[in-house]
Amino acid sequence: MSIEAEALLQEAKESIEAAQNYRSELQQRLRILCARKPVGHASQTREALQRHFQELQTAVSRLMTERLNTLLQEVDNIELDSVSPLDDCQKLIEHGVSTADELLFYECNMTVPSGEAAIRCGINEKEDKLGSFTKKALQIQLDSLPEVPVLVDVPCLSAQLDDSLLHMFRTHVARHGSVASHPPVQIEELVERPGGVLVRWCKVDDDFTPQDYRLQYRRGNSSQYEDAYIGKDTEFLVLHLDPHIDHLFRVCARGEGRTEWSPWSIPQTGYTTLAPHEWLPGVDGYILSSRKNIAMRNDSSPGHGGVLYSNSSTYFCGQTLTFKITAAGQTDKRDSLGVCADNRTDTDSLQRDQAVCISTNGAVFVNGKEMTNQLPAITVGSSVTFDMEVVNLFPVSNNNNPSDGGNFKLRVTIGSGNREVVFDWLLDQVVDSLFFGCSFTHPGWKALVF
């Protein structure tokens, strides 16, 4: 094959490879584009709107029916209470009329009142009839008349109705609900942490003033979200997540002066590959929580106690290790919270070689030596953070293999309250991971680690 043919063949191969790569890239972008089309979101939004307003209609209809039944019952009660006395009065009057008729026409088949008949009759009959009539008249109280209720005492039922409710209802309905094309907040970053994921979010709508944020998450194979955080912060560490399991996170916000939440952000998938931080169980003087992330100093050995270490060396440089103090006891100068290269059991404090720590009085110790800089004293609610990064290795062994010996230098930042202390920590050898630990002399202290 000639040189020109080989060149053409090579050019053709390169063109085919470029076309394949181009097509693959376009297909990938097409999949991304299809995933970002609002068809699914629009369908979910329609379903949410229809479901919400159907529920409102049902609830409003139920409330209106209940109110109508209440008013109708009031009408029935008033009618019963007001008509009953009038009926009794009517029966009394009708009885009086009947009694008077019996007196006037007490003889059967008389068309003339018996009193007049007694007056018109002959002399011989008059005395008997007049006596009988008078005797019957005395048996009736002809001067006792029942009292008829005055008009102002008789209830006059009417319904007091106006259009104010309809006007107010129309106004509220016209402003109820909204459809947003973009949520006012979005998840900005997901950072894996031991046994959890740090979620950071931000506001993306300049016209929106948030009052509170709400973070939810769920396992990838679950359909039910659960609340993780509600508050004003723009980041939160979601703990107690199983490693290597996908979790979906979403966030929304509540505008200033509003009661309803904004639309949810686009769900983001995150996971952690790091095992959770745990305290070592079975150490005398300490009680652990079920998840082994909370340690409490008990009174089994008051005044004496060793160091409680982590279950394994789970802290790596580049991470943030946090101790949260949820209960406090009596302080002692030997108390400590910190990080160490090993888990020696021949000491009662982390104020030793190959360790950095902070005491409960705020003093900072590096390899057993107290620094001049000091942090605020540790109390209930205090959070102490440790951040480390590798600076360099020096001097190393002759064959330039760090594992053969030399010094290992870490840049350490300890934060407590609103203050930080930054220093370099020298170790005798290179370590891939570190232990953490605590030591409290007196009972009552409780420390959460994450």
Protein backbone atom coordinates (compact mmCIF):
# COMPACT_ATOMS: atom_id res chain seq x y z
CA MET A 1 0.00 0.00 0.00
CA SER A 2 1.29 3.37 -0.96
CA ILE A 3 2.08 6.09 1.53
CA GLU A 4 -0.86 8.15 0.29
CA ALA A 5 -3.23 5.23 0.76
CA GLU A 6 -1.94 4.61 4.27
CA ALA A 7 -2.38 8.27 5.06
CA LEU A 8 -5.93 8.21 3.74
CA LEU A 9 -6.65 5.03 5.74
CA GLN A 10 -5.28 6.57 8.92
CA GLU A 11 -7.29 9.72 8.31
CA ALA A 12 -10.42 7.64 7.76
CA LYS A 13 -9.85 5.74 11.00
CA GLU A 14 -9.37 8.97 12.89
CA SER A 15 -12.54 10.40 11.32
CA ILE A 16 -14.50 7.28 12.29
CA GLU A 17 -13.18 7.44 15.85
CA ALA A 18 -13.99 11.16 16.07
CA ALA A 19 -17.49 10.54 14.72
CA GLN A 20 -18.06 7.76 17.27
CA ASN A 21 -16.87 9.98 20.10
CA TYR A 22 -19.00 12.84 18.78
CA ARG A 23 -22.09 10.64 18.58
CA SER A 24 -21.46 9.23 22.07
CA GLU A 25 -21.11 12.74 23.49
CA LEU A 26 -24.29 13.89 21.74
CA GLN A 27 -26.22 10.87 23.03
CA GLN A 28 -25.01 11.60 26.55
CA ARG A 29 -26.13 15.22 26.25
CA LEU A 30 -29.45 14.05 24.81
CA ARG A 31 -30.03 11.83 27.85
CA ILE A 32 -29.20 14.74 30.14
CA LEU A 33 -31.51 17.01 28.17
CA CYS A 34 -34.39 14.51 28.32
CA ALA A 35 -33.88 14.11 32.05
CA ARG A 36 -34.08 17.87 32.51
CA LYS A 37 -37.28 18.38 30.54
CA PRO A 38 -40.06 19.57 32.85
CA VAL A 39 -42.55 16.95 31.62
CA GLY A 40 -42.30 14.83 34.74
CA HIS A 41 -42.21 17.87 37.01
CA ALA A 42 -45.21 19.38 35.22
CA SER A 43 -47.20 16.16 35.65
CA GLN A 44 -46.32 15.97 39.34
CA THR A 45 -47.24 19.64 39.76
CA ARG A 46 -50.63 19.12 38.11
CA GLU A 47 -51.34 16.14 40.34
CA ALA A 48 -50.31 18.10 43.43
CA LEU A 49 -52.54 21.05 42.49
CA GLN A 50 -55.54 18.84 41.72
CA ARG A 51 -55.12 16.81 44.90
CA HIS A 52 -54.71 19.92 47.06
CA PHE A 53 -57.72 21.76 45.70
CA GLN A 54 -59.89 18.64 45.79
CA GLU A 55 -58.98 18.23 49.45
CA LEU A 56 -59.81 21.91 50.02
CA GLN A 57 -63.16 21.57 48.28
CA THR A 58 -64.04 18.53 50.37
CA ALA A 59 -62.98 20.25 53.59
CA VAL A 60 -64.81 23.50 52.78
CA SER A 61 -67.95 21.60 51.78
CA ARG A 62 -67.84 19.67 55.04
CA LEU A 63 -67.41 22.86 57.07
CA MET A 64 -70.29 24.58 55.25
CA THR A 65 -72.55 21.58 55.81
CA GLU A 66 -71.64 21.45 59.50
CA ARG A 67 -72.36 25.17 59.89
CA LEU A 68 -75.70 24.86 58.07
CA ASN A 69 -76.76 21.96 60.28
CA THR A 70 -75.79 23.94 63.38
CA LEU A 71 -77.91 26.93 62.33
CA LEU A 72 -80.87 24.71 61.40
CA GLN A 73 -80.66 23.07 64.81
CA GLU A 74 -80.73 26.53 66.43
CA VAL A 75 -83.91 27.33 64.46
CA ASP A 76 -85.49 24.08 65.65
CA ASN A 77 -84.56 24.78 69.26
CA ILE A 78 -85.86 28.37 69.20
CA GLU A 79 -89.05 27.27 67.48
CA LEU A 80 -89.61 24.58 70.08
CA ASP A 81 -88.93 26.92 72.99
CA SER A 82 -91.12 29.78 71.69
CA VAL A 83 -94.07 27.87 70.22
CA SER A 84 -94.62 25.65 73.24
CA PRO A 85 -95.82 28.49 75.59
CA LEU A 86 -98.07 29.89 72.84
CA ASP A 87 -99.60 26.46 72.28
CA ASP A 88 -100.21 26.11 76.01
CA CYS A 89 -101.88 29.56 76.10
CA GLN A 90 -104.02 28.67 73.08
CA LYS A 91 -105.13 25.43 74.70
CA LEU A 92 -106.04 27.32 77.90
CA ILE A 93 -108.13 29.88 75.98
CA GLU A 94 -109.86 27.19 73.92
CA HIS A 95 -110.64 25.34 77.12
CA GLY A 96 -112.12 28.53 78.58
CA VAL A 97 -114.29 29.05 75.50
CA SER A 98 -115.46 25.45 75.70
CA THR A 99 -116.30 25.84 79.39
CA ALA A 100 -118.26 29.05 78.69
CA ASP A 101 -120.17 27.27 75.92
CA GLU A 102 -121.06 24.49 78.31
CA LEU A 103 -122.45 27.06 80.76
CA LEU A 104 -124.42 28.90 78.12
CA PHE A 105 -125.72 25.81 76.36
CA TYR A 106 -125.59 23.17 79.05
CA GLU A 107 -129.00 21.80 78.11
CA CYS A 108 -128.93 19.58 75.06
CA ASN A 109 -130.28 20.79 71.75
CA MET A 110 -130.73 24.35 73.03
CA THR A 111 -130.42 27.12 70.49
CA VAL A 112 -130.98 29.81 73.10
CA PRO A 113 -128.42 30.22 75.84
CA SER A 114 -129.52 28.47 79.00
CA GLY A 115 -129.25 31.67 81.01
CA GLU A 116 -131.67 33.49 78.74
CA ALA A 117 -133.91 30.43 78.70
CA ALA A 118 -134.02 30.50 82.47
CA ILE A 119 -135.03 34.16 82.43
CA ARG A 120 -137.74 33.66 79.80
CA CYS A 121 -139.32 30.61 81.31
CA GLY A 122 -142.50 30.62 83.37
CA ILE A 123 -142.62 31.51 87.03
CA ASN A 124 -142.85 27.90 88.12
CA GLU A 125 -139.83 26.85 86.09
CA LYS A 126 -137.76 30.04 86.54
CA GLU A 127 -136.69 29.37 90.07
CA ASP A 128 -135.43 25.88 89.33
CA LYS A 129 -133.58 26.84 86.13
CA LEU A 130 -132.12 30.00 87.59
CA GLY A 131 -130.86 28.04 90.58
CA SER A 132 -129.33 25.38 88.39
CA PHE A 133 -127.72 27.96 86.10
CA THR A 134 -126.35 29.97 89.01
CA LYS A 135 -124.97 26.85 90.64
CA LYS A 136 -123.16 25.87 87.43
CA ALA A 137 -121.88 29.44 86.92
CA LEU A 138 -120.34 29.41 90.39
CA GLN A 139 -118.27 26.38 89.40
CA ILE A 140 -116.58 28.41 86.63
CA GLN A 141 -114.14 31.30 87.23
CA LEU A 142 -115.74 33.74 84.84
CA ASP A 143 -113.44 36.59 85.95
CA SER A 144 -110.14 34.69 85.31
CA LEU A 145 -108.67 35.42 81.89
CA PRO A 146 -105.36 33.92 80.70
CA GLU A 147 -102.61 36.39 79.87
CA VAL A 148 -101.67 36.53 76.20
CA PRO A 149 -97.87 37.09 75.64
CA VAL A 150 -97.06 40.57 74.44
CA LEU A 151 -95.65 40.93 70.95
CA VAL A 152 -92.11 41.82 72.08
CA ASP A 153 -91.88 38.53 74.04
CA VAL A 154 -92.75 36.41 71.03
CA PRO A 155 -89.62 35.36 69.01
CA CYS A 156 -89.48 36.42 65.37
CA LEU A 157 -87.02 34.15 63.60
CA SER A 158 -84.81 35.43 60.79
CA ALA A 159 -81.47 34.51 59.26
CA GLN A 160 -78.67 37.10 59.48
CA LEU A 161 -76.54 36.57 56.37
CA ASP A 162 -74.21 38.76 54.36
CA ASP A 163 -71.61 38.46 51.60
CA SER A 164 -68.55 39.22 53.77
CA LEU A 165 -67.55 35.56 53.94
CA LEU A 166 -67.85 35.16 50.20
CA HIS A 167 -65.77 38.30 49.64
CA MET A 168 -63.08 37.16 52.09
CA PHE A 169 -63.12 33.64 50.66
CA ARG A 170 -62.81 34.96 47.12
CA THR A 171 -59.88 37.17 48.13
CA HIS A 172 -58.00 34.36 49.87
CA VAL A 173 -58.66 31.84 47.12
CA ALA A 174 -57.38 34.28 44.50
CA ARG A 175 -54.06 34.47 46.37
CA HIS A 176 -53.86 30.84 47.46
CA GLY A 177 -51.08 28.78 45.93
CA SER A 178 -48.55 29.60 43.27
CA VAL A 179 -46.58 27.90 40.53
CA ALA A 180 -42.86 28.54 40.40
CA SER A 181 -40.67 27.66 37.45
CA HIS A 182 -37.57 27.59 39.66
CA PRO A 183 -37.32 26.88 43.41
CA PRO A 184 -35.84 29.80 45.40
CA VAL A 185 -33.18 27.53 46.98
CA GLN A 186 -31.04 24.75 45.58
CA ILE A 187 -28.60 22.23 47.02
CA GLU A 188 -25.10 23.52 46.40
CA GLU A 189 -22.85 20.73 47.65
CA LEU A 190 -22.94 17.23 49.14
CA VAL A 191 -19.84 16.23 51.09
CA GLU A 192 -19.41 12.74 52.49
CA ARG A 193 -18.65 12.46 56.17
CA PRO A 194 -18.13 9.41 58.39
CA GLY A 195 -21.57 7.85 58.66
CA GLY A 196 -23.27 10.83 57.05
CA VAL A 197 -23.42 13.51 54.37
CA LEU A 198 -22.88 17.25 54.86
CA VAL A 199 -25.51 19.10 52.82
CA ARG A 200 -24.98 22.72 51.82
CA TRP A 201 -27.58 24.84 50.04
CA CYS A 202 -27.95 28.42 48.85
CA LYS A 203 -30.58 30.92 47.76
CA VAL A 204 -30.85 31.31 43.98
CA ASP A 205 -33.72 33.83 43.84
CA ASP A 206 -32.54 37.36 44.61
CA ASP A 207 -36.11 38.54 45.23
CA PHE A 208 -36.77 35.84 47.83
CA THR A 209 -36.08 36.57 51.52
CA PRO A 210 -35.89 33.28 53.45
CA GLN A 211 -36.96 33.00 57.06
CA ASP A 212 -36.33 29.28 57.58
CA TYR A 213 -34.99 26.34 55.60
CA ARG A 214 -36.22 22.77 55.58
CA LEU A 215 -34.04 19.80 54.59
CA GLN A 216 -35.40 16.33 53.86
CA TYR A 217 -33.79 13.07 52.75
CA ARG A 218 -34.72 9.50 51.87
CA ARG A 219 -33.00 6.29 50.87
CA GLY A 220 -32.77 5.76 47.15
CA ASN A 221 -35.18 2.80 47.24
CA SER A 222 -37.73 4.55 49.48
CA SER A 223 -40.59 6.79 48.45
CA GLN A 224 -41.02 8.61 51.76
CA TYR A 225 -38.94 11.66 52.64
CA GLU A 226 -38.27 12.56 56.27
CA ASP A 227 -37.25 15.84 57.85
CA ALA A 228 -33.58 16.21 58.74
CA TYR A 229 -33.39 19.90 59.64
CA ILE A 230 -35.55 23.04 60.01
CA GLY A 231 -33.79 26.29 60.84
CA LYS A 232 -31.86 29.29 59.56
CA ASP A 233 -28.51 27.62 58.74
CA THR A 234 -27.53 26.86 55.14
CA GLU A 235 -25.79 23.56 55.88
CA PHE A 236 -26.51 20.49 57.95
CA LEU A 237 -24.76 17.20 58.61
CA VAL A 238 -27.16 14.28 58.12
CA LEU A 239 -25.89 11.41 60.25
CA HIS A 240 -26.72 7.73 60.73
CA LEU A 241 -26.57 6.93 57.01
CA ASP A 242 -25.51 3.48 55.89
CA PRO A 243 -22.27 3.59 53.85
CA HIS A 244 -22.39 2.97 50.09
CA ILE A 245 -26.18 3.53 49.97
CA ASP A 246 -27.60 6.28 47.76
CA HIS A 247 -29.73 8.89 49.52
CA LEU A 248 -31.75 11.69 47.93
CA PHE A 249 -31.71 15.16 49.48
CA ARG A 250 -33.97 18.15 48.86
CA VAL A 251 -34.44 21.55 50.48
CA CYS A 252 -37.09 24.27 50.53
CA ALA A 253 -37.55 27.59 52.32
CA ARG A 254 -40.23 29.65 54.02
CA GLY A 255 -40.36 33.29 52.99
CA GLU A 256 -40.24 36.06 55.53
CA GLY A 257 -43.68 36.59 57.06
CA ARG A 258 -45.14 33.55 55.29
CA THR A 259 -46.46 30.28 56.69
CA GLU A 260 -46.25 28.07 53.60
CA TRP A 261 -43.06 26.44 52.29
CA SER A 262 -41.59 27.13 48.87
CA PRO A 263 -41.34 24.46 46.16
CA TRP A 264 -38.70 21.80 46.74
CA SER A 265 -35.31 22.01 45.13
CA ILE A 266 -34.21 19.47 42.56
CA PRO A 267 -33.36 16.28 44.49
CA GLN A 268 -29.65 15.51 44.63
CA THR A 269 -28.17 12.05 45.21
CA GLY A 270 -25.38 11.60 47.73
CA TYR A 271 -23.77 8.84 49.73
CA THR A 272 -20.88 8.19 52.07
CA THR A 273 -18.19 5.57 51.80
CA LEU A 274 -16.85 6.36 55.27
CA ALA A 275 -17.73 4.29 58.29
CA PRO A 276 -19.31 6.26 61.15
CA HIS A 277 -17.21 7.43 64.09
CA GLU A 278 -17.77 5.18 67.11
CA TRP A 279 -16.38 5.02 70.63
CA LEU A 280 -14.70 1.83 71.82
CA PRO A 281 -17.17 -0.20 73.93
CA GLY A 282 -16.34 -1.93 77.20
CA VAL A 283 -14.08 0.75 78.70
CA ASP A 284 -14.43 1.11 82.45
CA GLY A 285 -15.91 4.45 83.50
CA TYR A 286 -17.86 5.13 80.30
CA ILE A 287 -21.32 4.28 79.02
CA LEU A 288 -22.07 4.40 75.28
CA SER A 289 -25.26 5.05 73.36
CA SER A 290 -26.78 2.37 71.13
CA ARG A 291 -25.06 3.87 68.07
CA LYS A 292 -21.78 4.17 70.02
CA ASN A 293 -21.38 7.81 68.95
CA ILE A 294 -22.20 9.25 72.41
CA ALA A 295 -20.02 8.53 75.45
CA MET A 296 -21.00 9.41 79.01
CA ARG A 297 -18.61 9.40 81.95
CA ASN A 298 -20.25 7.50 84.83
CA ASP A 299 -19.33 7.28 88.49
CA SER A 300 -17.97 3.71 88.47
CA SER A 301 -14.44 5.02 89.10
CA PRO A 302 -14.74 8.66 90.26
CA GLY A 303 -11.48 10.57 90.29
CA HIS A 304 -9.77 7.87 88.24
CA GLY A 305 -10.11 6.94 84.63
CA GLY A 306 -8.21 6.31 81.46
CA VAL A 307 -8.70 7.49 77.94
CA LEU A 308 -11.71 6.39 75.90
CA TYR A 309 -10.56 5.92 72.30
CA SER A 310 -12.40 5.45 69.05
CA ASN A 311 -13.31 1.93 68.06
CA SER A 312 -10.82 2.19 65.19
CA SER A 313 -8.73 4.82 63.41
CA THR A 314 -11.55 6.35 61.36
CA TYR A 315 -10.32 9.94 61.15
CA PHE A 316 -8.55 10.96 57.92
CA CYS A 317 -6.84 14.21 57.02
CA GLY A 318 -9.05 16.55 55.05
CA GLN A 319 -12.10 15.76 57.18
CA THR A 320 -13.67 17.72 60.03
CA LEU A 321 -13.99 15.87 63.32
CA THR A 322 -16.54 17.36 65.72
CA PHE A 323 -17.12 16.78 69.43
CA LYS A 324 -20.44 18.07 70.81
CA ILE A 325 -20.70 18.36 74.62
CA THR A 326 -24.30 17.64 75.69
CA ALA A 327 -23.69 17.36 79.44
CA ALA A 328 -20.92 18.52 81.75
CA GLY A 329 -19.53 17.53 85.12
CA GLN A 330 -16.78 18.82 87.36
CA THR A 331 -13.68 19.93 85.47
CA ASP A 332 -10.15 18.64 85.96
CA LYS A 333 -6.85 19.76 84.42
CA ARG A 334 -6.33 16.22 83.03
CA ASP A 335 -9.59 16.30 81.01
CA SER A 336 -9.09 16.20 77.25
CA LEU A 337 -10.70 15.84 73.82
CA GLY A 338 -8.49 15.19 70.84
CA VAL A 339 -6.82 13.15 68.12
CA CYS A 340 -3.88 10.75 68.45
CA ALA A 341 -1.71 8.49 66.33
CA ASP A 342 -2.20 5.44 68.58
CA ASN A 343 -4.53 4.12 71.29
CA ARG A 344 -2.16 3.59 74.20
CA THR A 345 -3.82 2.49 77.44
CA ASP A 346 -0.96 3.38 79.80
CA THR A 347 -2.07 6.97 80.28
CA ASP A 348 -5.04 8.75 81.84
CA SER A 349 -5.11 11.73 79.45
CA LEU A 350 -4.50 12.73 75.84
CA GLN A 351 -2.04 15.35 77.11
CA ARG A 352 0.82 13.14 75.92
CA ASP A 353 3.18 12.46 73.05
CA GLN A 354 1.71 11.61 69.62
CA ALA A 355 -1.54 13.43 70.43
CA VAL A 356 -3.16 16.86 70.11
CA CYS A 357 -6.04 17.81 72.40
CA ILE A 358 -7.95 20.53 74.19
CA SER A 359 -8.65 20.48 77.92
CA THR A 360 -12.00 21.41 79.44
CA ASN A 361 -10.45 24.73 80.58
CA GLY A 362 -9.58 25.59 76.96
CA ALA A 363 -5.85 24.82 77.09
CA VAL A 364 -4.39 23.26 73.91
CA PHE A 365 -1.74 20.53 74.13
CA VAL A 366 0.55 19.33 71.32
CA ASN A 367 2.54 16.18 72.02
CA GLY A 368 2.03 16.76 75.74
CA LYS A 369 3.16 20.41 75.74
CA GLU A 370 0.72 23.22 76.50
CA MET A 371 0.51 26.01 73.92
CA THR A 372 0.40 29.67 74.83
CA ASN A 373 -2.77 30.17 72.78
CA GLN A 374 -5.94 29.14 74.56
CA LEU A 375 -9.53 28.53 73.46
CA PRO A 376 -12.77 29.16 75.42
CA ALA A 377 -13.53 26.72 78.23
CA ILE A 378 -15.68 23.73 77.30
CA THR A 379 -19.22 23.75 78.73
CA VAL A 380 -22.63 22.28 77.90
CA GLY A 381 -23.41 22.98 74.24
CA SER A 382 -19.78 23.50 73.23
CA SER A 383 -18.63 22.16 69.86
CA VAL A 384 -14.95 21.43 69.31
CA THR A 385 -13.73 20.77 65.76
CA PHE A 386 -10.47 19.29 64.50
CA ASP A 387 -9.31 19.85 60.91
CA MET A 388 -6.00 18.48 59.60
CA GLU A 389 -4.07 18.52 56.35
CA VAL A 390 -0.71 17.08 55.37
CA VAL A 391 2.00 19.73 55.06
CA ASN A 392 5.13 17.72 54.14
CA LEU A 393 7.51 14.94 55.15
CA PHE A 394 10.98 15.78 56.51
CA PRO A 395 13.62 14.58 56.88
CA VAL A 396 12.86 11.20 55.38
CA SER A 397 15.09 8.14 55.34
CA ASN A 398 17.99 7.72 52.95
CA ASN A 399 15.98 5.76 50.40
CA ASN A 400 13.21 8.41 50.38
CA ASN A 401 10.61 5.95 51.62
CA PRO A 402 8.38 7.75 54.18
CA SER A 403 7.33 4.51 55.81
CA ASP A 404 10.92 3.82 56.81
CA GLY A 405 10.98 6.69 59.26
CA GLY A 406 11.35 10.44 59.46
CA ASN A 407 8.96 13.14 60.62
CA PHE A 408 5.36 13.57 59.45
CA LYS A 409 3.99 17.12 59.59
CA LEU A 410 0.30 17.95 59.81
CA ARG A 411 -1.37 21.38 59.85
CA VAL A 412 -3.96 21.26 62.63
CA THR A 413 -6.86 23.65 63.22
CA ILE A 414 -8.82 23.35 66.46
CA GLY A 415 -11.99 25.42 66.73
CA SER A 416 -14.15 26.10 69.75
CA GLY A 417 -16.77 28.79 70.02
CA ASN A 418 -15.82 31.60 67.66
CA ARG A 419 -12.06 31.08 68.02
CA GLU A 420 -9.47 28.88 66.30
CA VAL A 421 -5.93 27.74 66.99
CA VAL A 422 -3.71 26.71 64.05
CA PHE A 423 -0.39 24.91 64.49
CA ASP A 424 1.86 22.24 62.96
CA TRP A 425 1.94 18.79 64.53
CA LEU A 426 5.00 16.58 64.08
CA LEU A 427 4.66 12.79 64.17
CA ASP A 428 7.41 10.19 64.23
CA GLN A 429 6.03 8.31 61.26
CA VAL A 430 3.50 8.55 58.45
CA VAL A 431 -0.04 7.54 59.39
CA ASP A 432 -2.94 6.98 57.02
CA SER A 433 -5.63 7.45 59.66
CA LEU A 434 -5.88 8.62 63.24
CA PHE A 435 -7.69 7.71 66.44
CA PHE A 436 -9.78 10.16 68.44
CA GLY A 437 -10.38 10.06 72.16
CA CYS A 438 -11.52 11.73 75.35
CA SER A 439 -10.71 11.59 79.03
CA PHE A 440 -12.84 12.93 81.87
CA THR A 441 -11.84 12.53 85.49
CA HIS A 442 -15.25 13.22 87.04
CA PRO A 443 -18.69 11.82 86.08
CA GLY A 444 -21.44 13.73 84.29
CA TRP A 445 -19.67 14.52 81.02
CA LYS A 446 -21.32 13.44 77.79
CA ALA A 447 -19.68 13.80 74.35
CA LEU A 448 -21.15 13.20 70.90
CA VAL A 449 -18.67 12.61 68.09
CA PHE A 450 -19.30 12.99 64.36
